[in-house]
Each structure stands twice: as structure tokens, then as C-alpha cells.
Amino acid sequence: HDVDAIVQHVLRILDGGVKAIDGTRVTLEAHSICVHGDTPG
């Protein structure tokens, strides 16, 4: 929900990975990023 945290999450996706919920880095290939339209804000 925190927009600043979401932006950092997206930048990590652009760099080829994400931080998992346990803090580890997961390699992730993505050609599209989803923003849920029903999420508040």
C-alpha cells in the first residue's frame, strides 16, 4: 500500500528481481507490470 515502497519494488523489477516477503532477492523476468485498479489510491 505504501506508494514509495511500491515504486522501489517496481524499480527492482526493472532490474530483474524482487525482494521476497522474507527479505531474500528473487530473480524475476518481466515484460509487463500490473497495477490493480481496485487498490485504494
PDB file of all heavy atoms in Angstrom:
ATOM      1  N   HIS A   1       0.805  -1.220   0.000  1.00  0.00           N
ATOM      2  CA  HIS A   1       0.000   0.000   0.000  1.00  0.00           C
ATOM      3  C   HIS A   1       0.839   1.272   0.000  1.00  0.00           C
ATOM      4  O   HIS A   1       0.378   2.299  -0.496  1.00  0.00           O
ATOM      5  CB  HIS A   1      -0.933   0.009   1.215  1.00  0.00           C
ATOM      6  CG  HIS A   1      -1.937  -1.105   1.210  1.00  0.00           C
ATOM      7  ND1 HIS A   1      -3.034  -1.112   0.384  1.00  0.00           N
ATOM      8  CD2 HIS A   1      -1.986  -2.267   1.932  1.00  0.00           C
ATOM      9  CE1 HIS A   1      -3.734  -2.212   0.591  1.00  0.00           C
ATOM     10  NE2 HIS A   1      -3.120  -2.928   1.519  1.00  0.00           N
ATOM     11  N   ASP A   2       2.049   1.235   0.553  1.00  0.00           N
ATOM     12  CA  ASP A   2       2.885   2.420   0.617  1.00  0.00           C
ATOM     13  C   ASP A   2       3.457   2.720  -0.766  1.00  0.00           C
ATOM     14  O   ASP A   2       4.193   1.906  -1.337  1.00  0.00           O
ATOM     15  CB  ASP A   2       4.020   2.201   1.621  1.00  0.00           C
ATOM     16  CG  ASP A   2       4.899   3.434   1.751  1.00  0.00           C
ATOM     17  OD1 ASP A   2       4.537   4.315   2.543  1.00  0.00           O
ATOM     18  OD2 ASP A   2       5.918   3.497   1.037  1.00  0.00           O
ATOM     19  N   VAL A   3       3.123   3.879  -1.300  1.00  0.00           N
ATOM     20  CA  VAL A   3       3.493   4.196  -2.680  1.00  0.00           C
ATOM     21  C   VAL A   3       5.005   4.259  -2.863  1.00  0.00           C
ATOM     22  O   VAL A   3       5.537   3.793  -3.879  1.00  0.00           O
ATOM     23  CB  VAL A   3       2.820   5.508  -3.138  1.00  0.00           C
ATOM     24  CG1 VAL A   3       3.267   5.866  -4.554  1.00  0.00           C
ATOM     25  CG2 VAL A   3       1.309   5.377  -3.103  1.00  0.00           C
ATOM     26  N   ASP A   4       5.715   4.811  -1.896  1.00  0.00           N
ATOM     27  CA  ASP A   4       7.171   4.876  -2.020  1.00  0.00           C
ATOM     28  C   ASP A   4       7.782   3.475  -2.071  1.00  0.00           C
ATOM     29  O   ASP A   4       8.694   3.203  -2.869  1.00  0.00           O
ATOM     30  CB  ASP A   4       7.769   5.652  -0.844  1.00  0.00           C
ATOM     31  CG  ASP A   4       7.441   7.136  -0.897  1.00  0.00           C
ATOM     32  OD1 ASP A   4       7.206   7.651  -2.007  1.00  0.00           O
ATOM     33  OD2 ASP A   4       7.408   7.776   0.175  1.00  0.00           O
ATOM     34  N   ALA A   5       7.262   2.573  -1.224  1.00  0.00           N
ATOM     35  CA  ALA A   5       7.754   1.197  -1.232  1.00  0.00           C
ATOM     36  C   ALA A   5       7.407   0.502  -2.544  1.00  0.00           C
ATOM     37  O   ALA A   5       8.200  -0.289  -3.076  1.00  0.00           O
ATOM     38  CB  ALA A   5       7.167   0.427  -0.053  1.00  0.00           C
ATOM     39  N   ILE A   6       6.226   0.803  -3.077  1.00  0.00           N
ATOM     40  CA  ILE A   6       5.814   0.211  -4.354  1.00  0.00           C
ATOM     41  C   ILE A   6       6.737   0.669  -5.484  1.00  0.00           C
ATOM     42  O   ILE A   6       7.137  -0.123  -6.343  1.00  0.00           O
ATOM     43  CB  ILE A   6       4.339   0.562  -4.648  1.00  0.00           C
ATOM     44  CG1 ILE A   6       3.422  -0.223  -3.705  1.00  0.00           C
ATOM     45  CG2 ILE A   6       3.982   0.285  -6.106  1.00  0.00           C
ATOM     46  CD1 ILE A   6       1.981   0.239  -3.720  1.00  0.00           C
ATOM     47  N   VAL A   7       7.077   1.949  -5.485  1.00  0.00           N
ATOM     48  CA  VAL A   7       7.989   2.468  -6.517  1.00  0.00           C
ATOM     49  C   VAL A   7       9.336   1.756  -6.446  1.00  0.00           C
ATOM     50  O   VAL A   7       9.895   1.348  -7.479  1.00  0.00           O
ATOM     51  CB  VAL A   7       8.158   3.990  -6.366  1.00  0.00           C
ATOM     52  CG1 VAL A   7       9.333   4.489  -7.209  1.00  0.00           C
ATOM     53  CG2 VAL A   7       6.880   4.707  -6.786  1.00  0.00           C
ATOM     54  N   GLN A   8       9.878   1.562  -5.252  1.00  0.00           N
ATOM     55  CA  GLN A   8      11.143   0.842  -5.109  1.00  0.00           C
ATOM     56  C   GLN A   8      11.009  -0.603  -5.587  1.00  0.00           C
ATOM     57  O   GLN A   8      11.930  -1.156  -6.207  1.00  0.00           O
ATOM     58  CB  GLN A   8      11.613   0.893  -3.652  1.00  0.00           C
ATOM     59  CG  GLN A   8      12.025   2.281  -3.190  1.00  0.00           C
ATOM     60  CD  GLN A   8      13.077   2.907  -4.097  1.00  0.00           C
ATOM     61  OE1 GLN A   8      14.102   2.286  -4.404  1.00  0.00           O
ATOM     62  NE2 GLN A   8      12.832   4.127  -4.542  1.00  0.00           N
ATOM     63  N   HIS A   9       9.858  -1.216  -5.288  1.00  0.00           N
ATOM     64  CA  HIS A   9       9.567  -2.580  -5.738  1.00  0.00           C
ATOM     65  C   HIS A   9       9.592  -2.653  -7.268  1.00  0.00           C
ATOM     66  O   HIS A   9      10.182  -3.571  -7.856  1.00  0.00           O
ATOM     67  CB  HIS A   9       8.200  -2.977  -5.178  1.00  0.00           C
ATOM     68  CG  HIS A   9       7.722  -4.345  -5.544  1.00  0.00           C
ATOM     69  ND1 HIS A   9       8.334  -5.501  -5.108  1.00  0.00           N
ATOM     70  CD2 HIS A   9       6.662  -4.746  -6.298  1.00  0.00           C
ATOM     71  CE1 HIS A   9       7.677  -6.550  -5.571  1.00  0.00           C
ATOM     72  NE2 HIS A   9       6.665  -6.110  -6.301  1.00  0.00           N
ATOM     73  N   VAL A  10       8.979  -1.667  -7.904  1.00  0.00           N
ATOM     74  CA  VAL A  10       8.937  -1.624  -9.376  1.00  0.00           C
ATOM     75  C   VAL A  10      10.340  -1.432  -9.947  1.00  0.00           C
ATOM     76  O   VAL A  10      10.711  -2.074 -10.941  1.00  0.00           O
ATOM     77  CB  VAL A  10       7.985  -0.513  -9.854  1.00  0.00           C
ATOM     78  CG1 VAL A  10       8.157  -0.251 -11.352  1.00  0.00           C
ATOM     79  CG2 VAL A  10       6.539  -0.883  -9.553  1.00  0.00           C
ATOM     80  N   LEU A  11      11.129  -0.574  -9.347  1.00  0.00           N
ATOM     81  CA  LEU A  11      12.489  -0.355  -9.838  1.00  0.00           C
ATOM     82  C   LEU A  11      13.321  -1.628  -9.728  1.00  0.00           C
ATOM     83  O   LEU A  11      14.162  -1.904 -10.597  1.00  0.00           O
ATOM     84  CB  LEU A  11      13.143   0.795  -9.079  1.00  0.00           C
ATOM     85  CG  LEU A  11      12.536   2.184  -9.337  1.00  0.00           C
ATOM     86  CD1 LEU A  11      13.213   3.235  -8.468  1.00  0.00           C
ATOM     87  CD2 LEU A  11      12.622   2.565 -10.815  1.00  0.00           C
ATOM     88  N   ARG A  12      13.085  -2.418  -8.677  1.00  0.00           N
ATOM     89  CA  ARG A  12      13.782  -3.706  -8.570  1.00  0.00           C
ATOM     90  C   ARG A  12      13.324  -4.656  -9.671  1.00  0.00           C
ATOM     91  O   ARG A  12      14.133  -5.431 -10.216  1.00  0.00           O
ATOM     92  CB  ARG A  12      13.540  -4.324  -7.186  1.00  0.00           C
ATOM     93  CG  ARG A  12      14.357  -3.674  -6.075  1.00  0.00           C
ATOM     94  CD  ARG A  12      14.314  -4.474  -4.788  1.00  0.00           C
ATOM     95  NE  ARG A  12      13.016  -4.388  -4.148  1.00  0.00           N
ATOM     96  CZ  ARG A  12      12.697  -3.482  -3.221  1.00  0.00           C
ATOM     97  NH1 ARG A  12      13.575  -2.575  -2.852  1.00  0.00           N
ATOM     98  NH2 ARG A  12      11.495  -3.487  -2.676  1.00  0.00           N
ATOM     99  N   ILE A  13      12.040  -4.616 -10.018  1.00  0.00           N
ATOM    100  CA  ILE A  13      11.536  -5.446 -11.121  1.00  0.00           C
ATOM    101  C   ILE A  13      12.259  -5.082 -12.419  1.00  0.00           C
ATOM    102  O   ILE A  13      12.674  -5.955 -13.191  1.00  0.00           O
ATOM    103  CB  ILE A  13      10.007  -5.283 -11.276  1.00  0.00           C
ATOM    104  CG1 ILE A  13       9.277  -5.911 -10.083  1.00  0.00           C
ATOM    105  CG2 ILE A  13       9.525  -5.918 -12.584  1.00  0.00           C
ATOM    106  CD1 ILE A  13       7.800  -5.600 -10.028  1.00  0.00           C
ATOM    107  N   LEU A  14      12.417  -3.780 -12.666  1.00  0.00           N
ATOM    108  CA  LEU A  14      13.130  -3.344 -13.867  1.00  0.00           C
ATOM    109  C   LEU A  14      14.565  -3.858 -13.876  1.00  0.00           C
ATOM    110  O   LEU A  14      15.150  -4.066 -14.944  1.00  0.00           O
ATOM    111  CB  LEU A  14      13.140  -1.810 -13.956  1.00  0.00           C
ATOM    112  CG  LEU A  14      11.800  -1.085 -14.120  1.00  0.00           C
ATOM    113  CD1 LEU A  14      12.041   0.408 -14.231  1.00  0.00           C
ATOM    114  CD2 LEU A  14      11.033  -1.606 -15.334  1.00  0.00           C
ATOM    115  N   ASP A  15      15.113  -4.072 -12.689  1.00  0.00           N
ATOM    116  CA  ASP A  15      16.492  -4.543 -12.550  1.00  0.00           C
ATOM    117  C   ASP A  15      16.580  -6.072 -12.537  1.00  0.00           C
ATOM    118  O   ASP A  15      17.653  -6.627 -12.305  1.00  0.00           O
ATOM    119  CB  ASP A  15      17.094  -3.970 -11.260  1.00  0.00           C
ATOM    120  CG  ASP A  15      18.611  -4.052 -11.248  1.00  0.00           C
ATOM    121  OD1 ASP A  15      19.238  -3.859 -12.311  1.00  0.00           O
ATOM    122  OD2 ASP A  15      19.171  -4.334 -10.171  1.00  0.00           O
ATOM    123  N   GLY A  16      15.431  -6.732 -12.759  1.00  0.00           N
ATOM    124  CA  GLY A  16      15.457  -8.185 -12.907  1.00  0.00           C
ATOM    125  C   GLY A  16      15.194  -8.993 -11.660  1.00  0.00           C
ATOM    126  O   GLY A  16      15.541 -10.178 -11.613  1.00  0.00           O
ATOM    127  N   GLY A  17      14.576  -8.390 -10.654  1.00  0.00           N
ATOM    128  CA  GLY A  17      14.297  -9.168  -9.453  1.00  0.00           C
ATOM    129  C   GLY A  17      13.328  -8.476  -8.528  1.00  0.00           C
ATOM    130  O   GLY A  17      12.921  -7.333  -8.769  1.00  0.00           O
ATOM    131  N   VAL A  18      12.933  -9.166  -7.453  1.00  0.00           N
ATOM    132  CA  VAL A  18      12.085  -8.595  -6.413  1.00  0.00           C
ATOM    133  C   VAL A  18      12.620  -9.036  -5.053  1.00  0.00           C
ATOM    134  O   VAL A  18      13.338 -10.032  -4.947  1.00  0.00           O
ATOM    135  CB  VAL A  18      10.610  -9.029  -6.529  1.00  0.00           C
ATOM    136  CG1 VAL A  18       9.955  -8.446  -7.761  1.00  0.00           C
ATOM    137  CG2 VAL A  18      10.483 -10.547  -6.518  1.00  0.00           C
ATOM    138  N   LYS A  19      12.266  -8.285  -4.010  1.00  0.00           N
ATOM    139  CA  LYS A  19      12.570  -8.699  -2.649  1.00  0.00           C
ATOM    140  C   LYS A  19      11.384  -9.511  -2.140  1.00  0.00           C
ATOM    141  O   LYS A  19      10.262  -9.003  -2.070  1.00  0.00           O
ATOM    142  CB  LYS A  19      12.810  -7.491  -1.747  1.00  0.00           C
ATOM    143  CG  LYS A  19      13.192  -7.876  -0.320  1.00  0.00           C
ATOM    144  CD  LYS A  19      13.208  -6.675   0.609  1.00  0.00           C
ATOM    145  CE  LYS A  19      14.369  -5.749   0.260  1.00  0.00           C
ATOM    146  NZ  LYS A  19      14.462  -4.616   1.253  1.00  0.00           N
ATOM    147  N   ALA A  20      11.603 -10.770  -1.823  1.00  0.00           N
ATOM    148  CA  ALA A  20      10.541 -11.635  -1.318  1.00  0.00           C
ATOM    149  C   ALA A  20      10.121 -11.196   0.073  1.00  0.00           C
ATOM    150  O   ALA A  20      10.797 -10.405   0.740  1.00  0.00           O
ATOM    151  CB  ALA A  20      10.994 -13.089  -1.306  1.00  0.00           C
ATOM    152  N   ILE A  21       9.004 -11.733   0.540  1.00  0.00           N
ATOM    153  CA  ILE A  21       8.450 -11.333   1.826  1.00  0.00           C
ATOM    154  C   ILE A  21       9.383 -11.677   2.988  1.00  0.00           C
ATOM    155  O   ILE A  21       9.319 -11.068   4.051  1.00  0.00           O
ATOM    156  CB  ILE A  21       7.045 -11.950   2.008  1.00  0.00           C
ATOM    157  CG1 ILE A  21       6.265 -11.183   3.078  1.00  0.00           C
ATOM    158  CG2 ILE A  21       7.138 -13.458   2.272  1.00  0.00           C
ATOM    159  CD1 ILE A  21       4.778 -11.436   3.072  1.00  0.00           C
ATOM    160  N   ASP A  22      10.297 -12.630   2.763  1.00  0.00           N
ATOM    161  CA  ASP A  22      11.266 -12.978   3.817  1.00  0.00           C
ATOM    162  C   ASP A  22      12.560 -12.179   3.703  1.00  0.00           C
ATOM    163  O   ASP A  22      13.515 -12.416   4.442  1.00  0.00           O
ATOM    164  CB  ASP A  22      11.562 -14.484   3.795  1.00  0.00           C
ATOM    165  CG  ASP A  22      12.299 -14.923   2.538  1.00  0.00           C
ATOM    166  OD1 ASP A  22      12.441 -14.098   1.597  1.00  0.00           O
ATOM    167  OD2 ASP A  22      12.737 -16.090   2.486  1.00  0.00           O
ATOM    168  N   GLY A  23      12.609 -11.234   2.750  1.00  0.00           N
ATOM    169  CA  GLY A  23      13.772 -10.376   2.598  1.00  0.00           C
ATOM    170  C   GLY A  23      14.791 -10.849   1.578  1.00  0.00           C
ATOM    171  O   GLY A  23      15.723 -10.110   1.251  1.00  0.00           O
ATOM    172  N   THR A  24      14.643 -12.064   1.063  1.00  0.00           N
ATOM    173  CA  THR A  24      15.586 -12.572   0.070  1.00  0.00           C
ATOM    174  C   THR A  24      15.284 -11.986  -1.303  1.00  0.00           C
ATOM    175  O   THR A  24      14.157 -11.554  -1.577  1.00  0.00           O
ATOM    176  CB  THR A  24      15.532 -14.108  -0.006  1.00  0.00           C
ATOM    177  OG1 THR A  24      14.195 -14.516  -0.348  1.00  0.00           O
ATOM    178  CG2 THR A  24      15.914 -14.734   1.324  1.00  0.00           C
ATOM    179  N   ARG A  25      16.296 -11.982  -2.172  1.00  0.00           N
ATOM    180  CA  ARG A  25      16.096 -11.485  -3.533  1.00  0.00           C
ATOM    181  C   ARG A  25      15.743 -12.638  -4.454  1.00  0.00           C
ATOM    182  O   ARG A  25      16.391 -13.685  -4.440  1.00  0.00           O
ATOM    183  CB  ARG A  25      17.347 -10.780  -4.056  1.00  0.00           C
ATOM    184  CG  ARG A  25      17.142 -10.114  -5.423  1.00  0.00           C
ATOM    185  CD  ARG A  25      18.424  -9.474  -5.948  1.00  0.00           C
ATOM    186  NE  ARG A  25      18.182  -8.680  -7.135  1.00  0.00           N
ATOM    187  CZ  ARG A  25      18.097  -9.175  -8.380  1.00  0.00           C
ATOM    188  NH1 ARG A  25      18.251 -10.486  -8.580  1.00  0.00           N
ATOM    189  NH2 ARG A  25      17.883  -8.374  -9.410  1.00  0.00           N
ATOM    190  N   VAL A  26      14.708 -12.431  -5.268  1.00  0.00           N
ATOM    191  CA  VAL A  26      14.259 -13.447  -6.225  1.00  0.00           C
ATOM    192  C   VAL A  26      14.454 -12.893  -7.628  1.00  0.00           C
ATOM    193  O   VAL A  26      13.992 -11.788  -7.939  1.00  0.00           O
ATOM    194  CB  VAL A  26      12.771 -13.802  -6.006  1.00  0.00           C
ATOM    195  CG1 VAL A  26      12.317 -14.845  -7.013  1.00  0.00           C
ATOM    196  CG2 VAL A  26      12.536 -14.277  -4.583  1.00  0.00           C
ATOM    197  N   THR A  27      15.157 -13.621  -8.481  1.00  0.00           N
ATOM    198  CA  THR A  27      15.310 -13.212  -9.879  1.00  0.00           C
ATOM    199  C   THR A  27      13.972 -13.330 -10.583  1.00  0.00           C
ATOM    200  O   THR A  27      13.249 -14.317 -10.428  1.00  0.00           O
ATOM    201  CB  THR A  27      16.339 -14.103 -10.589  1.00  0.00           C
ATOM    202  OG1 THR A  27      17.599 -13.967  -9.915  1.00  0.00           O
ATOM    203  CG2 THR A  27      16.501 -13.694 -12.041  1.00  0.00           C
ATOM    204  N   LEU A  28      13.625 -12.295 -11.344  1.00  0.00           N
ATOM    205  CA  LEU A  28      12.301 -12.262 -11.977  1.00  0.00           C
ATOM    206  C   LEU A  28      12.397 -11.563 -13.323  1.00  0.00           C
ATOM    207  O   LEU A  28      12.845 -10.411 -13.394  1.00  0.00           O
ATOM    208  CB  LEU A  28      11.319 -11.533 -11.070  1.00  0.00           C
ATOM    209  CG  LEU A  28       9.850 -11.532 -11.494  1.00  0.00           C
ATOM    210  CD1 LEU A  28       9.254 -12.919 -11.301  1.00  0.00           C
ATOM    211  CD2 LEU A  28       9.064 -10.522 -10.676  1.00  0.00           C
ATOM    212  N   GLU A  29      11.991 -12.246 -14.380  1.00  0.00           N
ATOM    213  CA  GLU A  29      11.916 -11.643 -15.706  1.00  0.00           C
ATOM    214  C   GLU A  29      10.497 -11.145 -15.935  1.00  0.00           C
ATOM    215  O   GLU A  29       9.539 -11.870 -15.709  1.00  0.00           O
ATOM    216  CB  GLU A  29      12.295 -12.666 -16.777  1.00  0.00           C
ATOM    217  CG  GLU A  29      12.272 -12.102 -18.185  1.00  0.00           C
ATOM    218  CD  GLU A  29      12.609 -13.137 -19.257  1.00  0.00           C
ATOM    219  OE1 GLU A  29      12.884 -14.301 -18.886  1.00  0.00           O
ATOM    220  OE2 GLU A  29      12.592 -12.782 -20.446  1.00  0.00           O
ATOM    221  N   ALA A  30      10.357  -9.917 -16.375  1.00  0.00           N
ATOM    222  CA  ALA A  30       9.025  -9.353 -16.603  1.00  0.00           C
ATOM    223  C   ALA A  30       9.018  -8.477 -17.842  1.00  0.00           C
ATOM    224  O   ALA A  30       9.935  -7.694 -18.075  1.00  0.00           O
ATOM    225  CB  ALA A  30       8.580  -8.539 -15.394  1.00  0.00           C
ATOM    226  N   HIS A  31       7.956  -8.620 -18.629  1.00  0.00           N
ATOM    227  CA  HIS A  31       7.743  -7.777 -19.807  1.00  0.00           C
ATOM    228  C   HIS A  31       6.554  -6.839 -19.587  1.00  0.00           C
ATOM    229  O   HIS A  31       6.290  -5.970 -20.425  1.00  0.00           O
ATOM    230  CB  HIS A  31       7.477  -8.640 -21.039  1.00  0.00           C
ATOM    231  CG  HIS A  31       8.479  -9.726 -21.225  1.00  0.00           C
ATOM    232  ND1 HIS A  31       8.146 -11.055 -21.317  1.00  0.00           N
ATOM    233  CD2 HIS A  31       9.841  -9.684 -21.294  1.00  0.00           C
ATOM    234  CE1 HIS A  31       9.236 -11.787 -21.450  1.00  0.00           C
ATOM    235  NE2 HIS A  31      10.278 -10.980 -21.442  1.00  0.00           N
ATOM    236  N   SER A  32       5.809  -7.064 -18.493  1.00  0.00           N
ATOM    237  CA  SER A  32       4.651  -6.243 -18.170  1.00  0.00           C
ATOM    238  C   SER A  32       4.520  -6.174 -16.652  1.00  0.00           C
ATOM    239  O   SER A  32       4.800  -7.147 -15.953  1.00  0.00           O
ATOM    240  CB  SER A  32       3.376  -6.854 -18.780  1.00  0.00           C
ATOM    241  OG  SER A  32       2.246  -6.032 -18.530  1.00  0.00           O
ATOM    242  N   ILE A  33       4.091  -5.009 -16.153  1.00  0.00           N
ATOM    243  CA  ILE A  33       3.892  -4.814 -14.723  1.00  0.00           C
ATOM    244  C   ILE A  33       2.435  -4.428 -14.486  1.00  0.00           C
ATOM    245  O   ILE A  33       1.905  -3.535 -15.160  1.00  0.00           O
ATOM    246  CB  ILE A  33       4.819  -3.720 -14.163  1.00  0.00           C
ATOM    247  CG1 ILE A  33       6.289  -4.123 -14.345  1.00  0.00           C
ATOM    248  CG2 ILE A  33       4.523  -3.450 -12.692  1.00  0.00           C
ATOM    249  CD1 ILE A  33       7.275  -3.048 -13.929  1.00  0.00           C
ATOM    250  N   CYS A  34       1.802  -5.102 -13.538  1.00  0.00           N
ATOM    251  CA  CYS A  34       0.385  -4.869 -13.248  1.00  0.00           C
ATOM    252  C   CYS A  34       0.218  -3.938 -12.054  1.00  0.00           C
ATOM    253  O   CYS A  34       0.859  -4.097 -11.026  1.00  0.00           O
ATOM    254  CB  CYS A  34      -0.313  -6.200 -12.966  1.00  0.00           C
ATOM    255  SG  CYS A  34      -2.060  -6.014 -12.498  1.00  0.00           S
ATOM    256  N   VAL A  35      -0.693  -2.975 -12.220  1.00  0.00           N
ATOM    257  CA  VAL A  35      -1.177  -2.142 -11.123  1.00  0.00           C
ATOM    258  C   VAL A  35      -2.668  -2.443 -10.980  1.00  0.00           C
ATOM    259  O   VAL A  35      -3.440  -2.194 -11.903  1.00  0.00           O
ATOM    260  CB  VAL A  35      -0.990  -0.642 -11.413  1.00  0.00           C
ATOM    261  CG1 VAL A  35      -1.483   0.190 -10.235  1.00  0.00           C
ATOM    262  CG2 VAL A  35       0.445  -0.323 -11.736  1.00  0.00           C
ATOM    263  N   HIS A  36      -3.094  -2.990  -9.855  1.00  0.00           N
ATOM    264  CA  HIS A  36      -4.504  -3.337  -9.685  1.00  0.00           C
ATOM    265  C   HIS A  36      -5.358  -2.074  -9.592  1.00  0.00           C
ATOM    266  O   HIS A  36      -5.125  -1.219  -8.732  1.00  0.00           O
ATOM    267  CB  HIS A  36      -4.708  -4.201  -8.441  1.00  0.00           C
ATOM    268  CG  HIS A  36      -4.275  -5.608  -8.642  1.00  0.00           C
ATOM    269  ND1 HIS A  36      -3.085  -6.103  -8.149  1.00  0.00           N
ATOM    270  CD2 HIS A  36      -4.866  -6.643  -9.292  1.00  0.00           C
ATOM    271  CE1 HIS A  36      -2.962  -7.380  -8.498  1.00  0.00           C
ATOM    272  NE2 HIS A  36      -4.027  -7.723  -9.188  1.00  0.00           N
ATOM    273  N   GLY A  37      -6.357  -1.982 -10.452  1.00  0.00           N
ATOM    274  CA  GLY A  37      -7.210  -0.795 -10.487  1.00  0.00           C
ATOM    275  C   GLY A  37      -8.111  -0.654  -9.287  1.00  0.00           C
ATOM    276  O   GLY A  37      -8.628   0.441  -9.016  1.00  0.00           O
ATOM    277  N   ASP A  38      -8.325  -1.742  -8.524  1.00  0.00           N
ATOM    278  CA  ASP A  38      -9.213  -1.683  -7.364  1.00  0.00           C
ATOM    279  C   ASP A  38      -8.467  -1.390  -6.062  1.00  0.00           C
ATOM    280  O   ASP A  38      -9.083  -1.253  -5.011  1.00  0.00           O
ATOM    281  CB  ASP A  38      -9.995  -2.987  -7.224  1.00  0.00           C
ATOM    282  CG  ASP A  38      -9.093  -4.188  -6.941  1.00  0.00           C
ATOM    283  OD1 ASP A  38      -8.144  -4.394  -7.719  1.00  0.00           O
ATOM    284  OD2 ASP A  38      -9.342  -4.926  -5.973  1.00  0.00           O
ATOM    285  N   THR A  39      -7.146  -1.317  -6.103  1.00  0.00           N
ATOM    286  CA  THR A  39      -6.374  -0.997  -4.914  1.00  0.00           C
ATOM    287  C   THR A  39      -6.612   0.462  -4.523  1.00  0.00           C
ATOM    288  O   THR A  39      -6.594   1.344  -5.395  1.00  0.00           O
ATOM    289  CB  THR A  39      -4.869  -1.209  -5.170  1.00  0.00           C
ATOM    290  OG1 THR A  39      -4.641  -2.566  -5.513  1.00  0.00           O
ATOM    291  CG2 THR A  39      -4.045  -0.854  -3.950  1.00  0.00           C
ATOM    292  N   PRO A  40      -6.872   0.765  -3.246  1.00  0.00           N
ATOM    293  CA  PRO A  40      -7.038   2.163  -2.841  1.00  0.00           C
ATOM    294  C   PRO A  40      -5.839   3.005  -3.273  1.00  0.00           C
ATOM    295  O   PRO A  40      -4.690   2.621  -3.097  1.00  0.00           O
ATOM    296  CB  PRO A  40      -7.132   2.064  -1.314  1.00  0.00           C
ATOM    297  CG  PRO A  40      -7.690   0.700  -1.056  1.00  0.00           C
ATOM    298  CD  PRO A  40      -7.078  -0.169  -2.122  1.00  0.00           C
ATOM    299  N   GLY A  41      -6.133   4.168  -3.874  1.00  0.00           N
ATOM    300  CA  GLY A  41      -5.057   5.040  -4.344  1.00  0.00           C
ATOM    301  C   GLY A  41      -4.420   4.584  -5.634  1.00  0.00           C
ATOM    302  O   GLY A  41      -3.312   5.012  -5.970  1.00  0.00           O
TER     303      GLY A  41
END
